[in-house]
N, C-alpha and C. Protein backbone atom coordinates (compact mmCIF):
# COMPACT_ATOMS: atom_id res chain seq x y z
N UNK A 1 35.17 75.02 122.56
CA UNK A 1 36.94 74.28 121.49
C UNK A 1 37.67 73.50 122.66
N UNK A 2 38.30 72.61 122.10
CA UNK A 2 38.83 71.62 123.28
C UNK A 2 40.73 71.84 123.71
N UNK A 3 41.05 71.91 124.52
CA UNK A 3 42.33 72.05 124.87
C UNK A 3 43.11 71.08 125.08
N UNK A 4 43.93 71.70 124.39
CA UNK A 4 45.15 70.60 123.65
C UNK A 4 45.87 70.10 125.08
N UNK A 5 45.84 69.03 125.20
CA UNK A 5 46.25 68.10 126.64
C UNK A 5 47.61 67.27 126.45
N UNK A 6 48.73 68.23 125.43
CA UNK A 6 49.57 67.46 125.08
C UNK A 6 50.29 67.62 126.35
N UNK A 7 51.63 67.12 126.61
CA UNK A 7 52.34 67.34 127.63
C UNK A 7 53.78 68.66 126.98
N UNK A 8 53.24 69.56 127.87
CA UNK A 8 54.59 71.05 127.33
C UNK A 8 55.82 70.19 128.29
N UNK A 9 56.84 70.45 126.63
CA UNK A 9 57.64 69.49 126.93
C UNK A 9 58.65 70.88 128.50
N UNK A 10 59.95 70.54 129.25
CA UNK A 10 60.21 71.21 130.21
C UNK A 10 61.24 71.93 129.78
N UNK A 11 61.23 73.19 130.12
CA UNK A 11 62.04 74.16 130.13
C UNK A 11 63.03 74.52 130.95
N UNK A 12 64.74 74.63 130.23
CA UNK A 12 65.21 74.91 131.53
C UNK A 12 66.03 76.09 131.28
N UNK A 13 66.80 76.69 132.28
CA UNK A 13 67.34 78.03 132.45
C UNK A 13 68.20 78.23 131.04
N UNK A 14 69.10 78.87 131.26
CA UNK A 14 71.26 78.70 130.93
C UNK A 14 71.95 78.34 131.24
N UNK A 15 71.54 78.34 133.12
CA UNK A 15 72.21 77.49 134.15
C UNK A 15 71.72 76.34 134.42
N UNK A 16 70.88 75.71 134.38
CA UNK A 16 70.86 74.58 134.50
C UNK A 16 71.05 73.78 133.17
N UNK A 17 70.50 74.35 131.11
CA UNK A 17 70.64 73.69 130.70
C UNK A 17 72.74 73.88 130.49
N UNK A 18 73.65 74.65 131.20
CA UNK A 18 75.15 74.53 131.27
C UNK A 18 76.12 73.51 131.56
N UNK A 19 74.44 73.48 133.14
CA UNK A 19 75.48 72.17 134.32
C UNK A 19 74.84 71.24 133.70
N UNK A 20 73.85 70.68 132.88
CA UNK A 20 73.47 69.80 132.30
C UNK A 20 74.82 69.24 131.29
N UNK A 21 74.62 70.30 130.54
CA UNK A 21 75.76 70.19 129.51
C UNK A 21 77.41 69.79 130.39
N UNK A 22 77.24 70.06 131.14
CA UNK A 22 78.65 70.26 131.85
C UNK A 22 79.72 71.63 131.20
N UNK A 23 78.83 72.58 131.46
CA UNK A 23 79.74 73.56 130.61
C UNK A 23 79.75 75.03 130.98
N UNK A 24 80.30 75.63 131.83
CA UNK A 24 80.09 76.81 132.24
C UNK A 24 79.06 78.24 131.03
N UNK A 25 77.91 78.96 132.15
CA UNK A 25 77.00 79.68 131.04
C UNK A 25 77.63 80.18 130.36
N UNK A 26 78.65 80.99 130.56
CA UNK A 26 78.87 81.58 129.55
C UNK A 26 79.58 81.66 128.04
N UNK A 27 79.99 79.49 128.19
CA UNK A 27 80.17 79.02 126.70
C UNK A 27 79.14 79.12 126.48
N UNK A 28 78.03 78.87 127.03
CA UNK A 28 76.55 78.46 126.60
C UNK A 28 75.41 79.04 125.79
N UNK A 29 76.25 80.60 126.50
CA UNK A 29 75.10 82.15 125.65
C UNK A 29 76.67 82.31 124.49
N UNK A 30 77.69 82.21 124.17
CA UNK A 30 79.16 82.10 123.66
C UNK A 30 78.40 81.56 122.27
N UNK A 31 77.97 80.25 122.40
CA UNK A 31 77.36 79.18 121.68
C UNK A 31 76.55 79.10 120.82
N UNK A 32 75.42 80.40 121.64
CA UNK A 32 73.61 80.69 121.15
C UNK A 32 74.38 82.11 120.45
N UNK A 33 75.13 82.49 120.83
CA UNK A 33 75.63 83.65 120.04
C UNK A 33 76.13 83.95 118.34
N UNK A 34 76.91 82.16 118.70
CA UNK A 34 77.06 81.80 117.11
C UNK A 34 76.74 81.17 116.43
N UNK A 35 75.78 80.38 116.79
CA UNK A 35 74.95 79.62 116.34
C UNK A 35 74.90 78.38 116.38
N UNK A 36 75.79 77.73 117.26
CA UNK A 36 76.34 76.25 117.38
C UNK A 36 76.09 75.52 118.33
N UNK A 37 74.93 75.99 119.03
CA UNK A 37 74.89 75.07 120.64
C UNK A 37 73.77 74.11 120.17
N UNK A 38 72.90 74.23 121.31
CA UNK A 38 71.52 73.41 121.07
C UNK A 38 70.97 74.52 120.24
N UNK A 39 69.43 74.15 120.63
CA UNK A 39 68.36 74.85 120.14
C UNK A 39 67.94 75.07 121.20
N UNK A 40 67.27 77.23 121.43
CA UNK A 40 66.69 77.23 122.29
C UNK A 40 65.76 78.00 122.12
N UNK A 41 65.05 78.56 122.37
CA UNK A 41 63.34 79.83 122.26
C UNK A 41 63.72 80.40 123.15
N UNK A 42 63.06 81.85 122.73
CA UNK A 42 63.03 82.89 123.73
C UNK A 42 61.65 83.63 124.13
N UNK A 43 61.50 83.44 125.07
CA UNK A 43 60.43 83.60 125.86
C UNK A 43 60.39 84.89 126.39
N UNK A 44 59.61 86.60 125.36
CA UNK A 44 59.38 87.65 126.13
C UNK A 44 61.83 87.62 126.22
N UNK A 45 61.96 88.20 127.63
CA UNK A 45 63.43 88.11 127.24
C UNK A 45 64.36 87.26 127.94
N UNK A 46 63.18 86.13 128.25
CA UNK A 46 63.65 84.83 129.07
C UNK A 46 64.55 83.91 127.77
N UNK A 47 65.75 82.68 127.84
CA UNK A 47 66.40 82.33 126.91
C UNK A 47 66.08 81.41 128.02
N UNK A 48 65.29 80.01 127.17
CA UNK A 48 64.91 79.14 127.57
C UNK A 48 65.19 77.96 126.76
N UNK A 49 66.19 76.39 127.31
CA UNK A 49 66.55 75.13 126.29
C UNK A 49 65.67 74.34 126.76
N UNK A 50 65.11 73.46 125.92
CA UNK A 50 64.03 72.15 126.47
C UNK A 50 65.13 71.02 126.50
N UNK A 51 64.76 70.19 127.30
CA UNK A 51 65.86 69.11 127.22
C UNK A 51 65.46 67.82 126.73
N UNK A 52 64.67 68.05 124.92
CA UNK A 52 64.95 66.82 124.15
C UNK A 52 65.82 67.71 122.69
N UNK A 53 65.77 69.39 123.50
CA UNK A 53 66.72 70.15 122.41
C UNK A 53 68.63 69.91 122.63
N UNK A 54 68.41 69.65 124.05
CA UNK A 54 69.74 68.70 124.56
C UNK A 54 70.27 68.05 124.52
N UNK A 55 69.37 67.00 124.51
CA UNK A 55 69.43 65.50 124.09
C UNK A 55 69.60 64.96 122.15
N UNK A 56 69.23 66.14 121.45
CA UNK A 56 68.83 66.05 120.79
C UNK A 56 70.72 66.73 120.02
N UNK A 57 71.51 67.66 120.39
CA UNK A 57 72.83 68.31 120.44
C UNK A 57 73.29 67.30 121.03
N UNK A 58 73.47 67.11 122.03
CA UNK A 58 74.44 65.63 122.39
C UNK A 58 74.39 64.28 120.70
N UNK A 59 73.54 64.02 120.66
CA UNK A 59 73.51 63.02 119.15
C UNK A 59 73.79 63.77 118.84
N UNK A 60 73.57 64.88 118.07
CA UNK A 60 74.23 64.74 117.09
C UNK A 60 75.85 65.16 116.70
N UNK A 61 76.07 65.42 118.28
CA UNK A 61 77.93 65.55 118.26
C UNK A 61 78.51 64.84 118.59
N UNK A 62 77.98 63.04 119.12
CA UNK A 62 78.27 62.06 119.44
C UNK A 62 79.39 61.68 117.88
N UNK A 63 80.59 60.80 118.54
CA UNK A 63 82.11 60.61 117.97
C UNK A 63 81.92 59.20 118.17
N UNK A 64 82.52 58.73 117.24
CA UNK A 64 82.78 57.29 117.65
C UNK A 64 84.50 57.26 117.88
N UNK A 65 85.02 56.36 118.57
CA UNK A 65 86.75 56.21 118.47
C UNK A 65 86.97 56.22 116.50
N UNK A 66 88.08 56.85 115.87
CA UNK A 66 88.54 56.91 114.34
C UNK A 66 87.86 58.07 113.63
N UNK A 67 86.82 58.67 114.40
CA UNK A 67 86.35 59.99 114.49
C UNK A 67 85.32 59.70 113.41
N UNK A 68 84.47 58.74 113.29
CA UNK A 68 83.42 58.69 112.81
C UNK A 68 82.41 59.01 113.40
N UNK A 69 81.14 59.03 113.21
CA UNK A 69 79.77 59.34 113.85
C UNK A 69 79.22 57.65 113.91
């Protein structure tokens, strides 16, 4: 059997993800609880965010002047 050598996404702890988004860690936790923040995964008891999920969240919430997307 051949091992899958595709790159594993870099996973960030909530404190690292919050810092990357310039948010308080508690704000990110509240967003996670409400289901309105970036995608996250649960590994045992650990919460992790991929860098790609943070980028996707920012892109989905980007606004242009005048209120359009």
